[in-house]
Structures are given as structure tokens and as C-alpha cells.
């Protein structure tokens, strides 16, 4: 079994991994920038190493600094969390080359799924349904026009190497295609250093559904149900829930089996998430995330399984100790991402936290590195907490979430708690009648109505 894990991340996810390590009797090493010297993950780790200045490129994205920290502390494994280097195939490869276990999939699988074009082909070859689109990179406007005519307007132009909505443009006609194609390529080049784009049919009102899987090196694969991540703003998830209010039991079982079979065929190991657009009863592959997801706690809530523990066990060479038939889905769970932002303009709001009080009680979990007196740095992602609730059904879960949000106190900075309090009282959300465009349309209507 792994004895000491260096956590190549910060904030709530570093704490999350640290807690799993402590329960397993594994030592933990925190790395931190100078901006995070007083962060909670640094305070609670068994050891900590400063790896550079505040800029992520000089600290949390510095492969040399992280590998040096692992060497100095004698860590025999590295968990990358999410973001930063978590889906960097070169980093995973270097970790293994240094004789350190990478707690995640192989570099080859990270590389395969990190390119949207090769990922889509691999998904198609493995039996996963895909959105109709180009069979590879679209190299110029004439090529784009040919594919658009074949796919049918509207079309979606997407960066091959990207995510988060960057390098993604919609063209509803040939007149819009030229500018959309150029802008998508330029954005992709600027954001990812790779201007390659491809094209897909644009789905009008889909939901964003993702399936969580776990796999070991012996070919055992299980799926842990689905999460609905449709509540998004600018392609960034705001709230997630499991199970999806849009799926029935037969759809859930079918897509879960399809994904598990495909992941087994790929020879994948560790945790992974296969993401889909879902519309009119059909699933269409978007991408596979070869890491732990931000929203993994809702899956843990409904299955009772510790995903980080399972990742560590698989990386240690152990097989999964449960089968698909032993996975039991229990009740409903919702996660709210709490960001240090104005709740309605979304302007960043870093700074000192004067008072902090997390909600508690039955079925309530908070993952956060905040504490009273902590100062949220302006250098990193604005997410500062995750509120996860669990109930016997969606109705009970919503009531519990309302109560928990009223108890949550973060004073001194603006947060998105008021947005969540408002959203969960909306009838359409309560009825589960939302898609990936719903939140942005809600916010536009709210602004037009004077913020009411």
C-alpha cells in the first residue's frame, strides 16, 4: 500500500484528499505557493513544502517544483486532484518515470482523452454514442463549409484541446460560419496553444449528464450512476445533482452499462467521468475527464463510496473490492458550488473572511478550506466551498438544502450563496425542468426585470 501521498493541489480538494489519506493511515504532504502559506490544507498536512510564488505557472503548475518536493519528502505517490496538472499527460509520465505512483489513469489514457478529436474517435470505437460531426480537425473555411452542409445548421465549432467554453462558437448559417470558425481557432490558439478545431451538430436544449466510473488494473469496471450538471453559466457548472431528474431507471441502467463496457474495452484504470449531452431520449458523447471531478461528492453521497480511497487503492495495485451488483444508489444529493464572487454580476471578490460558519446537521457536508481570518487570494479559481446535501428523495434534499444555505455564513467577501438561495426556490428548478441554457436565460430575464 502507498505510504505517503504528495497532494499536487490546493484548497478544498487538497483537504479532501488529505482526509482520505488520514483515514487510510497514509501520510500526506501539502505543497503551497507563498500566497497559500496560511491555507488550511497546509495547516492540516503531516508535512508541507513551499513550491514557489503566487502565480500558478511558477508553483502549482511547476512540474520540477512538485517532483522536487516529492523527492525531498520521500513521497511514494502523487494525487493531482482536479485542475492544474491533473490532466497533463507529460506530468503523469514524469511522475512514473521518477518511480512515484501517479494516483490516476495512465499517461496514454490522459493523452488520448485530452484531445477532443481522438477522444471522440475512441468513444465511437468503444460503442459510446457521439454527436454527428466532422471525422477530425477542420483545417480551413472550405473544409468547414463542407462539413456544415453535411451535418446541417446550426453547427458547433469546438477546440480540439480545450474546455470551459473557450474556442467554442455556434454558427446558425453559412453567413455566420466564417467569423465563427476564425474566432474559435484564434481563441483555441490563445487559450491552449493549439488552434485545431472540429465541428458537431448543435443541440438546441440538451441537458449535461455525466457518468462516474471506477476501474482497476485487472479489468474490473463499475459505474456509479449519473450526475446532472446542466445548471451552467458560460459552460461553467454552478450546481450538480445525482441522480438526474430527467432520466428514468432504464435509461440510467443502459447508459451506465454502455460507459462501463467502453471503459473496460479501453483498458482504463482509476476514476473517470464520461460526459454527455442528453436530448429527446438520446445521449451524445462530449468528453471524458480522466481525473476526480469537482462534483464527485454527490456520487459519494448516493453510493456511500469514497472515490479518493478507491483511487488510492487502485494506484496501490489492489482490485476493486465490490462489483456492479453491490453498488446501491440511495436517495438524492445536490451540490452547490460557492464562489468568491458577486452573486449576480459574478465579479471576483477575494479578500479577508471576517466570519465563517458552515452549516451542519443530518445529510449536510461542506468541503472548504475557509476559516475566520483567512484571506481568499486573488490568484486562483474563485470556488471557495462546496455545499453537499443528501436526502431520501429530491424533495427532502431540496428542503435540507434550503435550510443549509440559510445557515451558511461567509462574511467579509461576496459569495454566490444568495444566487443558490434564489435558484432553488424557482418552480422550474424545483420541477427539474432545466437544461444547459436555463441559468443564463434566467439571469438575463432577472437583469431585464431590474434584478428581481
Protein backbone atom coordinates (compact mmCIF):
# COMPACT_ATOMS: atom_id res chain seq x y z
CA UNK A 1 0.00 0.00 0.00
CA UNK A 2 1.09 3.57 -0.65
CA UNK A 3 2.65 5.11 2.47
CA UNK A 4 2.98 8.84 1.73
CA UNK A 5 0.98 10.94 -0.76
CA UNK A 6 2.01 14.34 -2.02
CA UNK A 7 -1.10 16.31 -2.99
CA UNK A 8 -0.31 18.46 -6.03
CA UNK A 9 -3.17 20.87 -5.45
CA UNK A 10 -4.64 23.39 -3.02
CA UNK A 11 -7.85 24.41 -1.26
CA UNK A 12 -10.80 22.15 -0.62
CA UNK A 13 -9.70 19.33 -2.91
CA UNK A 14 -6.30 19.12 -1.19
CA UNK A 15 -8.14 18.81 2.14
CA UNK A 16 -10.50 16.21 0.68
CA UNK A 17 -7.60 14.00 -0.44
CA UNK A 18 -5.76 14.57 2.85
CA UNK A 19 -8.75 13.34 4.85
CA UNK A 20 -8.97 10.13 2.82
CA UNK A 21 -5.24 9.56 3.37
CA UNK A 22 -5.57 10.06 7.12
CA UNK A 23 -8.44 7.56 7.36
CA UNK A 24 -6.28 5.04 5.47
CA UNK A 25 -3.25 5.60 7.70
CA UNK A 26 -1.30 7.28 4.90
CA UNK A 27 0.98 10.28 5.47
CA UNK A 28 0.19 13.44 3.48
CA UNK A 29 2.39 16.16 2.03
CA UNK A 30 0.92 19.56 1.13
CA UNK A 31 2.56 21.81 -1.44
CA UNK A 32 1.80 25.52 -1.49
CA UNK A 33 2.67 28.82 -3.05
CA UNK A 34 3.69 31.77 -0.89
CA UNK A 35 0.11 33.08 -1.26
CA UNK A 36 -1.17 29.90 0.40
CA UNK A 37 1.25 29.78 3.35
CA UNK A 38 -1.68 30.07 5.81
CA UNK A 39 -4.10 27.85 3.88
CA UNK A 40 -5.95 25.12 5.76
CA UNK A 41 -4.52 22.31 3.63
CA UNK A 42 -1.05 23.45 4.68
CA UNK A 43 -2.04 23.60 8.35
CA UNK A 44 -3.53 20.11 8.44
CA UNK A 45 -0.98 18.16 6.36
CA UNK A 46 1.64 15.97 8.00
CA UNK A 47 4.30 17.87 6.04
CA UNK A 48 4.29 20.90 3.77
CA UNK A 49 6.64 22.32 1.15
CA UNK A 50 6.59 25.80 -0.40
CA UNK A 51 6.98 25.36 -4.16
CA UNK A 52 7.03 28.94 -5.44
CA UNK A 53 5.43 32.38 -5.74
CA UNK A 54 1.68 33.06 -6.11
CA UNK A 55 1.49 32.68 -9.90
CA UNK A 56 0.25 29.15 -10.65
CA UNK A 57 2.73 28.73 -13.51
CA UNK A 58 5.56 29.14 -11.01
CA UNK A 59 4.10 26.90 -8.30
CA UNK A 60 1.11 24.58 -8.79
CA UNK A 61 1.90 24.15 -12.48
CA UNK A 62 5.65 23.69 -11.95
CA UNK A 63 6.42 20.04 -12.62
CA UNK A 64 10.01 20.46 -11.45
CA UNK A 65 8.98 22.05 -8.13
CA UNK A 66 6.38 19.37 -7.40
CA UNK A 67 8.70 16.47 -8.25
CA UNK A 68 11.43 18.04 -6.13
CA UNK A 69 9.00 18.32 -3.21
CA UNK A 70 8.07 14.65 -3.62
CA UNK A 71 11.74 13.66 -3.66
CA UNK A 72 12.64 15.78 -0.61
CA UNK A 73 9.76 14.39 1.48
CA UNK A 74 10.05 10.79 0.29
CA UNK A 75 6.51 10.67 -1.07
CA UNK A 76 5.84 7.44 -2.96
CA UNK A 77 2.70 8.72 -4.71
CA UNK A 78 1.19 11.94 -6.05
CA UNK A 79 -2.51 12.75 -6.25
CA UNK A 80 -3.16 15.68 -8.63
CA UNK A 81 -6.75 16.49 -7.57
CA UNK A 82 -8.55 18.41 -10.33
CA UNK A 83 -7.37 21.35 -12.43
CA UNK A 84 -3.69 22.36 -12.53
CA UNK A 85 -1.68 19.28 -13.66
CA UNK A 86 -4.42 16.68 -13.16
CA UNK A 87 -4.91 16.04 -16.89
CA UNK A 88 -1.36 16.73 -18.02
CA UNK A 89 -0.12 13.51 -19.61
CA UNK A 90 3.51 14.65 -19.59
CA UNK A 91 3.32 15.26 -15.84
CA UNK A 92 1.79 11.82 -15.19
CA UNK A 93 4.52 10.26 -17.31
CA UNK A 94 7.30 12.10 -15.46
CA UNK A 95 5.87 11.11 -12.09
CA UNK A 96 6.00 7.42 -13.05
CA UNK A 97 9.46 7.80 -14.58
CA UNK A 98 10.70 9.09 -11.21
CA UNK A 99 9.48 5.90 -9.54
CA UNK A 100 6.49 7.61 -7.94
CA UNK A 101 2.93 6.31 -8.34
CA UNK A 102 0.51 8.62 -10.13
CA UNK A 103 -2.90 8.32 -8.49
CA UNK A 104 -4.94 8.45 -11.65
CA UNK A 105 -5.05 6.89 -15.11
CA UNK A 106 -2.08 6.19 -17.35
CA UNK A 107 -0.43 8.99 -19.31
CA UNK A 108 -1.59 7.30 -22.53
CA UNK A 109 -5.24 7.49 -21.48
CA UNK A 110 -4.89 11.09 -20.31
CA UNK A 111 -3.32 11.96 -23.68
CA UNK A 112 -5.98 10.05 -25.64
CA UNK A 113 -8.89 11.76 -23.89
CA UNK A 114 -7.20 15.16 -23.65
CA UNK A 115 -7.61 15.71 -27.37
CA UNK A 116 -11.30 16.05 -28.18
CA UNK A 117 -10.85 14.63 -31.70
CA UNK A 118 -9.04 11.44 -30.64
CA UNK A 119 -11.36 11.13 -27.63
CA UNK A 120 -14.43 11.19 -29.83
CA UNK A 121 -12.99 8.57 -32.15
CA UNK A 122 -12.03 6.36 -29.21
CA UNK A 123 -15.53 6.75 -27.76
CA UNK A 124 -17.13 5.85 -31.08
CA UNK A 125 -14.86 2.81 -31.47
CA UNK A 126 -15.77 1.71 -27.92
CA UNK A 127 -19.51 1.83 -28.57
CA UNK A 128 -20.35 5.19 -26.99
CA UNK A 129 -22.87 7.30 -28.97
CA UNK A 130 -21.44 10.56 -30.37
CA UNK A 131 -22.87 13.78 -31.76
CA UNK A 132 -22.78 13.74 -35.58
CA UNK A 133 -19.81 15.81 -36.71
CA UNK A 134 -16.51 16.03 -38.55
CA UNK A 135 -14.24 12.98 -38.55
CA UNK A 136 -11.26 15.01 -37.37
CA UNK A 137 -9.79 18.50 -37.46
CA UNK A 138 -11.45 21.07 -39.70
CA UNK A 139 -8.45 22.72 -41.35
CA UNK A 140 -9.87 25.71 -43.24
CA UNK A 141 -13.09 27.54 -44.11
CA UNK A 142 -13.86 25.48 -47.23
CA UNK A 143 -13.46 22.33 -45.17
CA UNK A 144 -15.72 23.85 -42.51
CA UNK A 145 -18.36 24.72 -45.10
CA UNK A 146 -18.34 21.17 -46.45
CA UNK A 147 -18.85 19.68 -43.02
CA UNK A 148 -21.53 22.21 -42.05
CA UNK A 149 -23.53 21.33 -45.13
CA UNK A 150 -23.20 17.64 -44.34
CA UNK A 151 -24.03 17.97 -40.63
CA UNK A 152 -26.73 20.60 -41.10
CA UNK A 153 -27.02 24.00 -39.42
CA UNK A 154 -26.71 25.06 -36.67
CA UNK A 155 -23.20 23.73 -36.05
CA UNK A 156 -20.86 23.99 -33.08
CA UNK A 157 -17.17 24.67 -33.66
CA UNK A 158 -15.03 23.38 -30.77
CA UNK A 159 -11.37 23.50 -29.76
CA UNK A 160 -9.73 20.08 -30.03
CA UNK A 161 -7.52 20.69 -26.99
CA UNK A 162 -9.78 22.76 -24.78
CA UNK A 163 -12.68 23.06 -22.44
CA UNK A 164 -14.60 25.54 -20.32
CA UNK A 165 -16.24 27.14 -23.37
CA UNK A 166 -13.04 28.63 -24.80
CA UNK A 167 -12.63 28.05 -28.53
CA UNK A 168 -16.33 27.17 -28.82
CA UNK A 169 -18.64 29.01 -31.25
CA UNK A 170 -22.07 28.41 -32.78
CA UNK A 171 -22.86 29.14 -36.43
CA UNK A 172 -26.53 29.10 -37.40
CA UNK A 173 -25.91 29.72 -41.10
CA UNK A 174 -23.15 29.90 -43.70
CA UNK A 175 -23.12 33.67 -43.26
CA UNK A 176 -22.09 33.18 -39.60
CA UNK A 177 -19.70 30.31 -40.25
CA UNK A 178 -16.67 32.23 -41.50
CA UNK A 179 -16.34 34.54 -38.48
CA UNK A 180 -17.26 31.80 -36.01
CA UNK A 181 -14.61 29.49 -37.46
CA UNK A 182 -11.87 32.14 -37.31
CA UNK A 183 -12.78 33.26 -33.78
CA UNK A 184 -12.88 29.68 -32.48
CA UNK A 185 -9.44 28.92 -33.92
CA UNK A 186 -7.94 32.12 -32.56
CA UNK A 187 -9.42 31.54 -29.09
CA UNK A 188 -8.19 27.95 -29.09
CA UNK A 189 -4.67 29.01 -30.03
CA UNK A 190 -4.60 31.73 -27.38
CA UNK A 191 -6.03 29.56 -24.61
CA UNK A 192 -4.41 26.19 -25.28
CA UNK A 193 -1.53 26.81 -27.67
CA UNK A 194 -3.36 24.63 -30.19
CA UNK A 195 -5.67 26.17 -32.78
CA UNK A 196 -7.13 22.87 -34.02
CA UNK A 197 -10.94 22.79 -34.09
CA UNK A 198 -13.62 20.30 -35.10
CA UNK A 199 -17.37 20.54 -35.73
CA UNK A 200 -20.51 18.94 -34.37
CA UNK A 201 -24.24 19.28 -34.75
CA UNK A 202 -25.53 21.91 -32.35
CA UNK A 203 -28.14 20.54 -29.95
CA UNK A 204 -30.82 23.06 -29.06
CA UNK A 205 -32.00 22.27 -25.49
CA UNK A 206 -29.83 19.46 -24.12
CA UNK A 207 -29.02 18.52 -20.56
CA UNK A 208 -25.47 17.81 -19.39
CA UNK A 209 -25.32 14.28 -17.99
CA UNK A 210 -22.13 12.56 -16.83
CA UNK A 211 -21.43 9.00 -15.73
CA UNK A 212 -18.88 8.23 -13.00
CA UNK A 213 -16.75 5.11 -13.39
CA UNK A 214 -14.09 3.32 -11.36
CA UNK A 215 -11.72 0.79 -12.91
CA UNK A 216 -8.76 -1.26 -11.70
CA UNK A 217 -5.78 -2.76 -13.49
CA UNK A 218 -7.41 -6.21 -13.62
CA UNK A 219 -10.20 -5.07 -15.94
CA UNK A 220 -12.89 -4.66 -13.28
CA UNK A 221 -15.10 -1.66 -14.04
CA UNK A 222 -18.15 -0.28 -12.27
CA UNK A 223 -20.31 2.75 -12.96
CA UNK A 224 -21.71 4.76 -10.07
CA UNK A 225 -24.75 6.27 -11.70
CA UNK A 226 -25.02 9.68 -13.28
CA UNK A 227 -24.83 13.34 -12.30
CA UNK A 228 -26.86 16.13 -13.86
CA UNK A 229 -24.63 19.17 -14.39
CA UNK A 230 -26.96 21.22 -16.59
CA UNK A 231 -27.08 24.32 -14.39
CA UNK A 232 -24.24 26.25 -16.04
CA UNK A 233 -23.09 29.77 -16.80
CA UNK A 234 -20.66 30.25 -19.69
CA UNK A 235 -20.11 26.49 -19.74
CA UNK A 236 -19.05 26.53 -16.07
CA UNK A 237 -21.05 24.31 -13.72
CA UNK A 238 -22.87 26.01 -10.83
CA UNK A 239 -24.88 23.17 -9.27
CA UNK A 240 -24.90 19.41 -9.73
CA UNK A 241 -27.22 16.64 -8.61
CA UNK A 242 -27.48 12.86 -8.61
CA UNK A 243 -29.50 11.16 -9.87
CA UNK A 244 -30.72 13.31 -12.75
CA UNK A 245 -34.41 14.29 -12.54
CA UNK A 246 -34.57 13.83 -16.32
CA UNK A 247 -33.69 10.12 -16.58
CA UNK A 248 -35.75 7.04 -15.86
CA UNK A 249 -34.32 3.83 -14.41
CA UNK A 250 -33.98 2.04 -17.75
CA UNK A 251 -32.11 4.97 -19.36
CA UNK A 252 -29.87 5.16 -16.29
CA UNK A 253 -29.01 1.46 -16.42
CA UNK A 254 -28.45 1.48 -20.18
CA UNK A 255 -26.06 4.45 -20.33
CA UNK A 256 -24.21 3.20 -17.25
CA UNK A 257 -23.63 -0.22 -18.81
CA UNK A 258 -22.60 1.36 -22.12
CA UNK A 259 -19.99 3.50 -20.40
CA UNK A 260 -18.66 0.69 -18.20
CA UNK A 261 -18.30 -1.62 -21.20
CA UNK A 262 -16.48 1.09 -23.17
CA UNK A 263 -14.09 1.91 -20.31
CA UNK A 264 -13.32 -1.80 -19.92
CA UNK A 265 -12.58 -2.04 -23.64
CA UNK A 266 -10.18 0.93 -23.34
CA UNK A 267 -8.27 -0.79 -20.53
CA UNK A 268 -8.69 2.30 -18.38
CA UNK A 269 -7.75 2.42 -14.68
CA UNK A 270 -8.74 4.72 -11.77
CA UNK A 271 -11.65 7.17 -11.57
CA UNK A 272 -13.03 8.77 -14.71
CA UNK A 273 -16.12 10.58 -15.89
CA UNK A 274 -17.75 10.27 -19.30
CA UNK A 275 -19.82 13.34 -20.16
CA UNK A 276 -22.83 13.54 -22.47
CA UNK A 277 -25.37 15.90 -23.90
CA UNK A 278 -28.82 14.38 -23.48
CA UNK A 279 -31.78 15.43 -25.61
CA UNK A 280 -35.05 13.72 -26.58
CA UNK A 281 -34.02 10.44 -25.01
CA UNK A 282 -30.63 10.28 -26.76
CA UNK A 283 -27.12 10.53 -25.31
CA UNK A 284 -24.24 12.13 -27.23
CA UNK A 285 -20.62 11.92 -26.01
CA UNK A 286 -18.87 15.21 -25.18
CA UNK A 287 -15.63 14.18 -23.49
CA UNK A 288 -14.04 12.00 -20.84
CA UNK A 289 -12.45 13.63 -17.80
CA UNK A 290 -9.52 11.49 -16.67
CA UNK A 291 -9.48 12.76 -13.09
CA UNK A 292 -11.54 13.31 -9.98
CA UNK A 293 -14.41 15.73 -10.66
CA UNK A 294 -15.32 18.77 -8.56
CA UNK A 295 -18.81 17.31 -8.18
CA UNK A 296 -17.74 13.82 -7.04
CA UNK A 297 -19.28 14.27 -3.54
CA UNK A 298 -22.86 13.86 -4.83
CA UNK A 299 -21.91 10.43 -6.15
CA UNK A 300 -20.29 9.60 -2.82
CA UNK A 301 -23.47 10.68 -1.03
CA UNK A 302 -25.80 8.42 -3.03
CA UNK A 303 -23.46 5.40 -3.19
CA UNK A 304 -21.71 5.62 0.19
CA UNK A 305 -18.36 5.05 -1.56
CA UNK A 306 -15.18 7.09 -1.03
CA UNK A 307 -13.86 7.80 -4.54
CA UNK A 308 -10.49 9.09 -3.34
CA UNK A 309 -9.96 5.96 -1.26
CA UNK A 310 -10.73 3.82 -4.30
CA UNK A 311 -8.30 5.80 -6.46
CA UNK A 312 -5.53 5.27 -3.89
CA UNK A 313 -6.29 1.55 -3.63
CA UNK A 314 -6.21 1.11 -7.42
CA UNK A 315 -2.93 3.04 -7.65
CA UNK A 316 -1.53 0.68 -4.98
CA UNK A 317 -2.33 -2.28 -7.25
CA UNK A 318 -5.43 -3.51 -5.44
CA UNK A 319 -8.54 -4.61 -7.35
CA UNK A 320 -11.93 -3.07 -6.67
CA UNK A 321 -13.43 -4.84 -3.67
CA UNK A 322 -17.04 -4.56 -4.85
CA UNK A 323 -18.94 -5.45 -8.02
CA UNK A 324 -21.56 -3.63 -10.05
CA UNK A 325 -24.31 -5.67 -8.38
CA UNK A 326 -23.12 -4.47 -4.98
CA UNK A 327 -23.39 -0.76 -5.89
CA UNK A 328 -26.55 0.64 -4.29
CA UNK A 329 -27.95 4.05 -5.17
CA UNK A 330 -29.58 5.60 -2.12
CA UNK A 331 -31.66 8.79 -2.19
CA UNK A 332 -30.73 12.09 -3.83
CA UNK A 333 -27.85 14.55 -3.48
CA UNK A 334 -27.24 18.13 -4.66
CA UNK A 335 -24.01 20.16 -4.61
CA UNK A 336 -23.81 23.96 -4.73
CA UNK A 337 -20.50 25.49 -5.75
CA UNK A 338 -19.86 28.53 -3.57
CA UNK A 339 -17.63 31.09 -5.29
CA UNK A 340 -15.97 34.26 -4.01
CA UNK A 341 -17.92 36.38 -6.48
CA UNK A 342 -20.74 38.85 -6.60
CA UNK A 343 -23.79 36.53 -6.75
CA UNK A 344 -25.30 38.20 -9.81
CA UNK A 345 -22.57 40.14 -11.65
CA UNK A 346 -20.02 37.38 -10.93
CA UNK A 347 -17.25 39.93 -10.36
CA UNK A 348 -14.44 38.32 -8.31
CA UNK A 349 -14.45 39.11 -4.58
CA UNK A 350 -11.19 37.99 -2.96
CA UNK A 351 -10.13 39.28 0.45
CA UNK A 352 -10.34 38.56 4.19
CA UNK A 353 -13.09 36.37 5.64
CA UNK A 354 -14.22 38.05 8.88
CA UNK A 355 -16.64 35.34 10.00
CA UNK A 356 -17.14 31.79 8.78
CA UNK A 357 -19.79 29.34 9.91
CA UNK A 358 -20.51 26.15 7.98
CA UNK A 359 -23.96 24.54 8.15
CA UNK A 360 -24.33 21.09 9.67
CA UNK A 361 -26.90 18.51 10.63
CA UNK A 362 -28.10 15.28 9.08
CA UNK A 363 -27.21 14.88 5.42
CA UNK A 364 -25.11 18.07 5.18
CA UNK A 365 -21.45 18.14 4.07
CA UNK A 366 -19.23 21.15 3.42
CA UNK A 367 -15.91 20.83 1.61
CA UNK A 368 -13.95 24.05 2.11
CA UNK A 369 -10.61 25.42 3.21
CA UNK A 370 -12.11 28.59 4.69
CA UNK A 371 -11.85 29.74 8.29
CA UNK A 372 -12.46 33.02 10.13
CA UNK A 373 -9.50 35.31 9.47
CA UNK A 374 -8.43 33.58 6.28
CA UNK A 375 -7.83 35.83 3.26
CA UNK A 376 -9.01 34.47 -0.10
CA UNK A 377 -6.17 35.12 -2.57
CA UNK A 378 -6.93 36.66 -5.97
CA UNK A 379 -4.56 34.33 -7.79
CA UNK A 380 -6.66 31.20 -8.25
CA UNK A 381 -10.11 29.87 -9.12
CA UNK A 382 -12.90 31.62 -7.23
CA UNK A 383 -14.54 28.47 -5.83
CA UNK A 384 -14.11 28.56 -2.03
CA UNK A 385 -16.58 25.92 -0.82
CA UNK A 386 -18.91 23.15 -1.86
CA UNK A 387 -22.17 22.54 -0.02
CA UNK A 388 -23.43 18.98 -0.48
CA UNK A 389 -26.74 17.74 0.89
CA UNK A 390 -28.32 14.29 0.82
CA UNK A 391 -31.89 13.21 1.39
CA UNK A 392 -34.13 10.19 0.94
CA UNK A 393 -35.57 11.79 -2.20
CA UNK A 394 -35.22 15.01 -4.22
CA UNK A 395 -37.94 16.81 -2.25
CA UNK A 396 -36.28 16.14 1.10
CA UNK A 397 -32.92 17.05 -0.43
CA UNK A 398 -34.24 20.46 -1.56
CA UNK A 399 -35.73 21.22 1.85
CA UNK A 400 -32.44 20.30 3.51
CA UNK A 401 -30.53 22.47 1.02
CA UNK A 402 -32.72 25.48 1.77
CA UNK A 403 -32.06 25.08 5.46
CA UNK A 404 -28.31 24.61 4.99
CA UNK A 405 -27.96 27.67 2.76
CA UNK A 406 -29.63 29.87 5.40
CA UNK A 407 -27.11 28.63 8.00
CA UNK A 408 -24.05 29.21 5.80
CA UNK A 409 -22.17 32.36 6.89
CA UNK A 410 -19.20 33.78 4.97
CA UNK A 411 -18.76 37.41 6.00
CA UNK A 412 -16.29 39.93 4.60
CA UNK A 413 -16.42 38.95 0.94
CA UNK A 414 -19.24 38.48 -1.54
CA UNK A 415 -20.24 34.92 -2.39
CA UNK A 416 -22.73 33.15 -4.64
CA UNK A 417 -24.78 31.86 -1.69
CA UNK A 418 -27.65 34.34 -2.43
CA UNK A 419 -27.80 33.09 -6.04
CA UNK A 420 -28.24 29.49 -4.87
CA UNK A 421 -30.88 30.56 -2.33
CA UNK A 422 -32.83 32.17 -5.15
CA UNK A 423 -32.40 29.39 -7.70
CA UNK A 424 -33.64 26.56 -5.51
CA UNK A 425 -36.92 28.40 -4.90
CA UNK A 426 -37.64 28.67 -8.63
CA UNK A 427 -40.54 26.45 -9.76
CA UNK A 428 -38.77 25.27 -12.91
CA UNK A 429 -35.74 24.16 -10.92
CA UNK A 430 -37.93 22.52 -8.28
CA UNK A 431 -39.65 20.58 -11.07
CA UNK A 432 -36.31 19.63 -12.64
CA UNK A 433 -37.31 21.41 -15.86
CA UNK A 434 -33.96 22.92 -16.80
CA UNK A 435 -31.28 22.45 -19.47
CA UNK A 436 -27.79 23.84 -20.14
CA UNK A 437 -29.20 27.20 -21.31
CA UNK A 438 -31.69 27.67 -18.47
CA UNK A 439 -29.46 29.52 -16.00
CA UNK A 440 -28.15 32.10 -18.48
CA UNK A 441 -31.70 32.77 -19.68
CA UNK A 442 -32.84 33.10 -16.06
CA UNK A 443 -30.07 35.61 -15.30
CA UNK A 444 -30.84 37.67 -18.43
CA UNK A 445 -34.53 37.79 -17.54
CA UNK A 446 -33.67 38.75 -13.97
CA UNK A 447 -31.44 41.59 -15.14
CA UNK A 448 -34.10 42.85 -17.56
CA UNK A 449 -36.56 42.84 -14.67
CA UNK A 450 -34.31 45.07 -12.59
CA UNK A 451 -32.65 42.28 -10.64
CA UNK A 452 -35.86 40.86 -9.19
